[in-house]
């Protein structure tokens, strides 16, 4: 594939950037603080990585990873992402994002809200249900018997095919969870959210950021998605 744009240099964005450059994919990475703040990360990533502005990352290639907090995602200039396939890694965390009435009322899913903002882009929700440190830990070559699957949701079949191809290059299988309206199936507290990828699913919440991972096969993920019960978003406080 061509160059991958990444908007957001936090844990998820940086983890995807590391896998991309390791797979031979050039990346242009941006954050809200400016390219000069990305010197260390770009040096770590090597010659395939370049720091840029949000607009430069959006213009870098056909696929852009949008890995910023939800309130920041809906503040990105929409015109910058027009025409792109956008990988949305966001989730709704009320303690961080504040209460968002349309999400609390379940009028929209998180990624439907982002899609409304970037109406000219083809949004695919992916890499949003896995802890950042599990991304490199679970990546495997194609055909590996312990390859992990990640869910994706989107309204555009061609865009989902593009994101599936990217995930494959990065070391993951994918399972189609349906349209963006079905994204709740792998959002916080749902069956296909982060605990599915823990070696010990009973790990206390305060230990999850250091917890070991375990591979999740496509069949296991499919079962979790199909059996998911919708979480009452308005009742969430974290």
Protein backbone atom coordinates (compact mmCIF):
# COMPACT_ATOMS: atom_id res chain seq x y z
CA UNK A 1 0.00 0.00 0.00
CA UNK A 2 0.97 3.67 -0.25
CA UNK A 3 1.95 5.89 2.64
CA UNK A 4 -0.20 5.66 5.77
CA UNK A 5 -1.30 8.87 7.46
CA UNK A 6 -1.65 8.73 11.24
CA UNK A 7 -3.31 11.55 13.18
CA UNK A 8 -2.55 11.01 16.85
CA UNK A 9 0.75 9.99 18.40
CA UNK A 10 -0.62 8.46 21.59
CA UNK A 11 -0.34 4.82 22.53
CA UNK A 12 -2.59 3.38 19.79
CA UNK A 13 -1.32 5.66 17.02
CA UNK A 14 2.31 4.99 17.93
CA UNK A 15 1.72 1.21 18.12
CA UNK A 16 0.17 1.19 14.64
CA UNK A 17 3.04 3.34 13.34
CA UNK A 18 5.60 0.86 14.70
CA UNK A 19 3.89 -2.09 13.01
CA UNK A 20 3.47 -0.16 9.77
CA UNK A 21 7.12 0.85 9.45
CA UNK A 22 8.19 -2.67 10.43
CA UNK A 23 6.03 -3.93 7.56
CA UNK A 24 7.69 -1.53 5.12
CA UNK A 25 4.83 0.99 5.01
CA UNK A 26 5.88 4.66 5.05
CA UNK A 27 4.00 6.77 7.61
CA UNK A 28 3.35 10.46 8.11
CA UNK A 29 2.37 11.03 11.72
CA UNK A 30 0.83 14.15 13.22
CA UNK A 31 -0.47 15.35 16.55
CA UNK A 32 -2.09 18.47 17.95
CA UNK A 33 1.19 19.86 19.29
CA UNK A 34 3.06 20.10 15.99
CA UNK A 35 5.69 18.09 14.07
CA UNK A 36 8.56 19.38 16.22
CA UNK A 37 7.20 17.39 19.19
CA UNK A 38 7.50 14.11 17.28
CA UNK A 39 11.28 14.08 16.84
CA UNK A 40 11.94 11.22 19.23
CA UNK A 41 9.12 9.01 17.91
CA UNK A 42 10.14 9.56 14.28
CA UNK A 43 13.77 8.77 15.15
CA UNK A 44 12.63 5.54 16.80
CA UNK A 45 10.46 4.58 13.81
CA UNK A 46 13.29 5.08 11.34
CA UNK A 47 13.59 6.34 7.77
CA UNK A 48 10.08 5.33 6.73
CA UNK A 49 8.53 7.78 9.21
CA UNK A 50 7.97 11.50 8.80
CA UNK A 51 6.40 14.02 11.15
CA UNK A 52 3.85 16.38 9.65
CA UNK A 53 0.83 18.52 10.27
CA UNK A 54 -2.67 17.09 10.49
CA UNK A 55 -3.25 18.18 6.90
CA UNK A 56 -0.01 16.55 5.72
CA UNK A 57 -0.90 13.27 7.43
CA UNK A 58 -4.36 13.39 5.86
CA UNK A 59 -2.85 14.01 2.41
CA UNK A 60 -0.20 11.30 2.73
CA UNK A 61 -2.20 8.40 1.31
CA UNK A 62 -5.62 6.89 0.80
CA UNK A 63 -5.89 5.56 4.36
CA UNK A 64 -5.63 7.74 7.46
CA UNK A 65 -5.66 6.41 11.01
CA UNK A 66 -7.53 8.80 13.30
CA UNK A 67 -6.37 7.94 16.81
CA UNK A 68 -7.28 10.84 19.07
CA UNK A 69 -9.79 11.32 21.90
CA UNK A 70 -13.39 11.50 20.72
CA UNK A 71 -13.74 15.23 21.35
CA UNK A 72 -10.56 15.82 19.34
CA UNK A 73 -11.80 13.57 16.53
CA UNK A 74 -14.89 15.71 16.08
CA UNK A 75 -12.70 18.84 16.07
CA UNK A 76 -10.38 17.74 13.23
CA UNK A 77 -11.00 19.91 10.13
CA UNK A 78 -13.47 17.80 8.17
CA UNK A 79 -12.19 19.00 4.82
CA UNK A 80 -8.73 17.58 5.58
CA UNK A 81 -10.14 14.04 5.56
CA UNK A 82 -12.50 14.39 2.62
CA UNK A 83 -12.11 11.52 0.18
CA UNK A 84 -10.01 9.39 2.54
CA UNK A 85 -10.67 6.03 4.09
CA UNK A 86 -10.41 6.82 7.80
CA UNK A 87 -9.65 4.21 10.46
CA UNK A 88 -11.42 5.46 13.58
CA UNK A 89 -9.97 4.09 16.83
CA UNK A 90 -12.07 6.27 19.14
CA UNK A 91 -14.32 5.28 22.01
CA UNK A 92 -16.61 7.27 24.28
CA UNK A 93 -15.26 7.71 27.79
CA UNK A 94 -17.52 10.12 29.74
CA UNK A 95 -14.89 10.77 32.42
CA UNK A 96 -12.63 12.18 29.67
CA UNK A 97 -15.02 13.37 26.98
CA UNK A 98 -17.84 14.72 29.14
CA UNK A 99 -21.42 13.65 28.58
CA UNK A 100 -22.46 13.58 24.91
CA UNK A 101 -26.29 13.53 24.76
CA UNK A 102 -26.69 11.82 21.37
CA UNK A 103 -24.44 8.98 22.53
CA UNK A 104 -26.10 8.69 25.94
CA UNK A 105 -29.47 8.52 24.20
CA UNK A 106 -28.08 5.88 21.81
CA UNK A 107 -29.22 7.92 18.84
CA UNK A 108 -25.77 7.33 17.33
CA UNK A 109 -22.81 5.07 17.97
CA UNK A 110 -19.43 6.66 18.59
CA UNK A 111 -18.21 6.17 15.04
CA UNK A 112 -21.52 7.33 13.57
CA UNK A 113 -20.93 10.58 15.46
CA UNK A 114 -17.44 10.89 13.98
CA UNK A 115 -18.76 9.99 10.52
CA UNK A 116 -21.30 12.81 10.78
CA UNK A 117 -18.39 15.19 11.36
CA UNK A 118 -16.24 13.85 8.50
CA UNK A 119 -19.11 13.27 6.10
CA UNK A 120 -16.83 13.30 3.05
CA UNK A 121 -14.66 10.45 4.36
CA UNK A 122 -15.30 6.70 4.41
CA UNK A 123 -15.07 5.80 8.09
CA UNK A 124 -14.18 2.34 9.39
CA UNK A 125 -14.12 1.67 13.12
CA UNK A 126 -11.12 -0.59 13.88
CA UNK A 127 -8.21 -0.98 16.30
CA UNK A 128 -10.55 0.47 18.93
CA UNK A 129 -11.21 -2.60 21.08
CA UNK A 130 -7.67 -3.64 21.97
CA UNK A 131 -5.17 -2.28 24.49
CA UNK A 132 -2.23 -0.46 22.93
CA UNK A 133 0.41 -2.78 24.36
CA UNK A 134 -1.47 -5.79 22.99
CA UNK A 135 -1.18 -4.53 19.40
CA UNK A 136 2.52 -5.40 18.96
CA UNK A 137 2.23 -8.39 21.30
CA UNK A 138 -0.47 -10.08 19.20
CA UNK A 139 0.63 -9.19 15.67
CA UNK A 140 1.53 -12.30 13.66
CA UNK A 141 2.44 -13.09 10.04
CA UNK A 142 -0.32 -14.19 7.67
CA UNK A 143 -1.12 -17.85 8.13
CA UNK A 144 0.23 -18.08 11.67
CA UNK A 145 -1.88 -20.55 13.69
CA UNK A 146 -2.16 -18.11 16.59
CA UNK A 147 -3.11 -15.07 14.54
CA UNK A 148 -5.51 -12.68 16.26
CA UNK A 149 -8.61 -11.16 14.68
CA UNK A 150 -9.89 -7.63 15.19
CA UNK A 151 -13.42 -6.40 14.45
CA UNK A 152 -14.27 -3.58 12.09
CA UNK A 153 -17.48 -1.74 11.33
CA UNK A 154 -18.26 0.60 8.47
CA UNK A 155 -20.84 1.62 5.92
CA UNK A 156 -18.60 1.36 2.84
CA UNK A 157 -17.63 -2.13 1.66
CA UNK A 158 -14.64 -0.92 -0.36
CA UNK A 159 -13.29 1.04 2.60
CA UNK A 160 -13.63 -2.00 4.84
CA UNK A 161 -11.70 -4.05 2.30
CA UNK A 162 -8.92 -1.44 2.38
CA UNK A 163 -8.77 -1.52 6.17
CA UNK A 164 -8.79 -5.32 6.19
CA UNK A 165 -5.79 -5.20 3.85
CA UNK A 166 -3.99 -2.78 6.15
CA UNK A 167 -4.73 -4.93 9.19
CA UNK A 168 -3.39 -7.96 7.34
CA UNK A 169 -0.13 -6.13 6.59
CA UNK A 170 0.12 -5.15 10.25
CA UNK A 171 -0.38 -8.72 11.44
CA UNK A 172 -4.10 -9.24 12.11
CA UNK A 173 -7.12 -10.97 10.64
CA UNK A 174 -10.40 -9.03 10.64
CA UNK A 175 -14.05 -9.81 11.27
CA UNK A 176 -16.75 -7.67 9.68
CA UNK A 177 -19.05 -6.53 12.50
CA UNK A 178 -21.44 -4.75 10.15
CA UNK A 179 -22.32 -1.10 9.67
CA UNK A 180 -21.20 1.74 11.92
CA UNK A 181 -24.53 1.36 13.71
CA UNK A 182 -23.24 -2.02 14.96
CA UNK A 183 -20.04 -0.54 16.40
CA UNK A 184 -21.47 -0.81 19.92
CA UNK A 185 -20.73 -4.54 19.75
CA UNK A 186 -17.05 -3.87 20.44
CA UNK A 187 -17.15 -0.69 22.47
CA UNK A 188 -16.31 -0.42 26.21
CA UNK A 189 -17.85 -3.14 28.42
CA UNK A 190 -19.11 -5.10 25.41
CA UNK A 191 -18.13 -8.75 24.95
CA UNK A 192 -15.63 -8.04 22.17
CA UNK A 193 -13.87 -5.21 23.99
CA UNK A 194 -10.38 -5.39 25.53
CA UNK A 195 -10.93 -8.19 28.07
CA UNK A 196 -11.41 -10.67 25.24
CA UNK A 197 -7.68 -10.29 24.48
CA UNK A 198 -6.42 -10.80 28.04
CA UNK A 199 -4.57 -13.96 28.98
CA UNK A 200 -6.59 -13.77 32.22
CA UNK A 201 -9.99 -12.18 31.55
CA UNK A 202 -10.50 -11.78 35.31
CA UNK A 203 -7.58 -9.35 35.57
CA UNK A 204 -8.57 -6.39 37.80
CA UNK A 205 -9.16 -3.18 35.87
CA UNK A 206 -6.28 -1.40 37.57
CA UNK A 207 -3.85 -4.05 36.28
CA UNK A 208 -5.04 -4.24 32.68
CA UNK A 209 -2.49 -1.80 31.29
CA UNK A 210 0.27 -4.27 32.19
CA UNK A 211 -1.69 -7.48 31.66
CA UNK A 212 -0.51 -10.21 29.30
CA UNK A 213 -2.43 -10.87 26.11
CA UNK A 214 -3.74 -14.02 24.46
CA UNK A 215 -4.58 -14.61 20.77
CA UNK A 216 -8.23 -14.38 19.72
CA UNK A 217 -9.22 -16.40 16.67
CA UNK A 218 -11.75 -15.08 14.16
CA UNK A 219 -14.32 -17.67 15.25
CA UNK A 220 -14.01 -16.62 18.89
CA UNK A 221 -14.36 -12.96 18.00
CA UNK A 222 -17.36 -13.65 15.76
CA UNK A 223 -19.09 -15.46 18.61
CA UNK A 224 -18.41 -12.54 20.97
CA UNK A 225 -19.78 -10.03 18.47
CA UNK A 226 -22.89 -12.04 17.72
CA UNK A 227 -23.65 -12.62 21.40
CA UNK A 228 -22.96 -9.05 22.52
CA UNK A 229 -25.52 -7.28 24.70
CA UNK A 230 -25.81 -3.54 24.17
CA UNK A 231 -24.32 -1.59 27.06
CA UNK A 232 -26.47 1.23 28.39
CA UNK A 233 -24.20 4.10 27.46
CA UNK A 234 -25.97 6.66 29.66
CA UNK A 235 -25.12 4.57 32.73
CA UNK A 236 -21.38 4.54 32.02
CA UNK A 237 -19.18 6.76 34.16
CA UNK A 238 -15.69 5.67 33.05
